[in-house]
Amino acid sequence: MTEDMKYIGRFVKEELEYTPGVMHVNRIERPKYVDNKTTKNIIAPMPNLPGDKSFVGPIMMSDMIIKKYVDPLPLYRQIQVINRNHQIDLSGL
């Protein structure tokens, strides 16, 4: 499908993910091509994610939801804990 196209780069999305006690960043890279015939840019589709515009991954999102509704720990306190334990500033959420 991309044989007649020129590769021009890639679109990169990074999301913060959580494994108990460890924070890491998942990097999703999608190749970008330009169609030589129409000069139209084409980017590979994003994988299905629960929050397309969010920068937190599905595991971290589910962990935050459980802590908020099951453990009654409000989001602002979760953000304080993440900042204290992992030195990651999420205050802009």
Protein backbone atom coordinates (compact mmCIF):
# COMPACT_ATOMS: atom_id res chain seq x y z
CA MET A 1 0.00 0.00 0.00
CA THR A 2 2.86 2.43 0.71
CA GLU A 3 5.09 1.31 -2.18
CA ASP A 4 4.27 4.40 -4.27
CA MET A 5 4.75 6.78 -1.35
CA LYS A 6 7.75 8.60 0.06
CA TYR A 7 8.46 8.15 3.77
CA ILE A 8 8.64 11.58 5.44
CA GLY A 9 8.83 10.79 9.15
CA ARG A 10 6.67 9.53 11.97
CA PHE A 11 4.13 10.79 14.45
CA VAL A 12 5.07 9.92 18.04
CA LYS A 13 2.79 9.76 21.09
CA GLU A 14 4.09 9.03 24.56
CA GLU A 15 1.87 8.03 27.47
CA LEU A 16 2.68 7.65 31.12
CA GLU A 17 2.06 4.13 32.41
CA TYR A 18 2.13 2.65 35.90
CA THR A 19 3.19 -0.73 37.18
CA PRO A 20 2.81 -0.82 40.98
CA GLY A 21 5.80 1.03 42.34
CA VAL A 22 7.20 1.90 38.88
CA MET A 23 6.36 4.63 36.37
CA HIS A 24 7.38 4.26 32.75
CA VAL A 25 6.54 5.83 29.41
CA ASN A 26 5.06 3.83 26.54
CA ARG A 27 6.09 5.26 23.19
CA ILE A 28 3.72 4.76 20.29
CA GLU A 29 5.29 5.57 16.92
CA ARG A 30 3.23 5.78 13.76
CA PRO A 31 4.97 6.16 10.38
CA LYS A 32 4.07 9.12 8.18
CA TYR A 33 4.15 8.99 4.39
CA VAL A 34 3.43 11.43 1.62
CA ASP A 35 1.65 10.16 -1.49
CA ASN A 36 3.80 11.16 -4.48
CA LYS A 37 0.74 11.36 -6.74
CA THR A 38 -1.53 13.51 -4.58
CA THR A 39 1.03 15.03 -2.13
CA LYS A 40 -1.35 14.02 0.68
CA ASN A 41 0.14 13.09 4.07
CA ILE A 42 -0.87 9.70 5.46
CA ILE A 43 -0.30 8.64 9.07
CA ALA A 44 -0.85 5.11 10.39
CA PRO A 45 -3.94 4.87 12.64
CA MET A 46 -3.64 5.01 16.43
CA PRO A 47 -4.20 1.80 18.37
CA ASN A 48 -7.48 1.68 20.30
CA LEU A 49 -6.99 3.41 23.64
CA PRO A 50 -9.52 4.28 26.35
CA GLY A 51 -8.58 7.97 26.29
CA ASP A 52 -7.35 9.09 22.89
CA LYS A 53 -6.38 12.59 24.05
CA SER A 54 -5.09 11.50 27.44
CA PHE A 55 -1.42 11.08 28.23
CA VAL A 56 -1.98 8.30 30.76
CA GLY A 57 -2.16 4.68 29.68
CA PRO A 58 -5.02 2.25 30.31
CA ILE A 59 -3.41 0.57 33.33
CA MET A 60 -2.68 3.87 35.06
CA MET A 61 -6.15 5.18 34.18
CA SER A 62 -7.86 2.12 35.67
CA ASP A 63 -5.67 2.34 38.78
CA MET A 64 -6.63 6.01 39.28
CA ILE A 65 -10.34 5.26 38.78
CA ILE A 66 -10.25 2.40 41.31
CA LYS A 67 -8.42 4.58 43.84
CA LYS A 68 -10.94 7.37 43.35
CA TYR A 69 -14.17 5.37 43.55
CA VAL A 70 -13.28 2.25 45.56
CA ASP A 71 -10.59 3.57 47.93
CA PRO A 72 -12.06 7.14 48.12
CA LEU A 73 -8.73 8.84 47.31
CA PRO A 74 -9.43 12.06 45.37
CA LEU A 75 -7.47 12.79 42.20
CA TYR A 76 -5.66 15.79 43.68
CA ARG A 77 -4.29 13.54 46.47
CA GLN A 78 -3.29 10.85 43.96
CA ILE A 79 -1.39 13.54 42.03
CA GLN A 80 0.38 14.61 45.25
CA VAL A 81 1.41 10.99 45.93
CA ILE A 82 2.74 10.52 42.36
CA ASN A 83 4.66 13.81 42.61
CA ARG A 84 6.15 12.85 45.99
CA ASN A 85 7.04 9.23 45.13
CA HIS A 86 8.11 9.58 41.50
CA GLN A 87 8.99 13.29 41.09
CA ILE A 88 6.53 13.60 38.19
CA ASP A 89 4.50 16.82 38.12
CA LEU A 90 0.91 16.07 37.08
CA SER A 91 -0.54 19.26 38.57
CA GLY A 92 -1.74 20.38 35.12
CA LEU A 93 -4.41 17.65 34.96
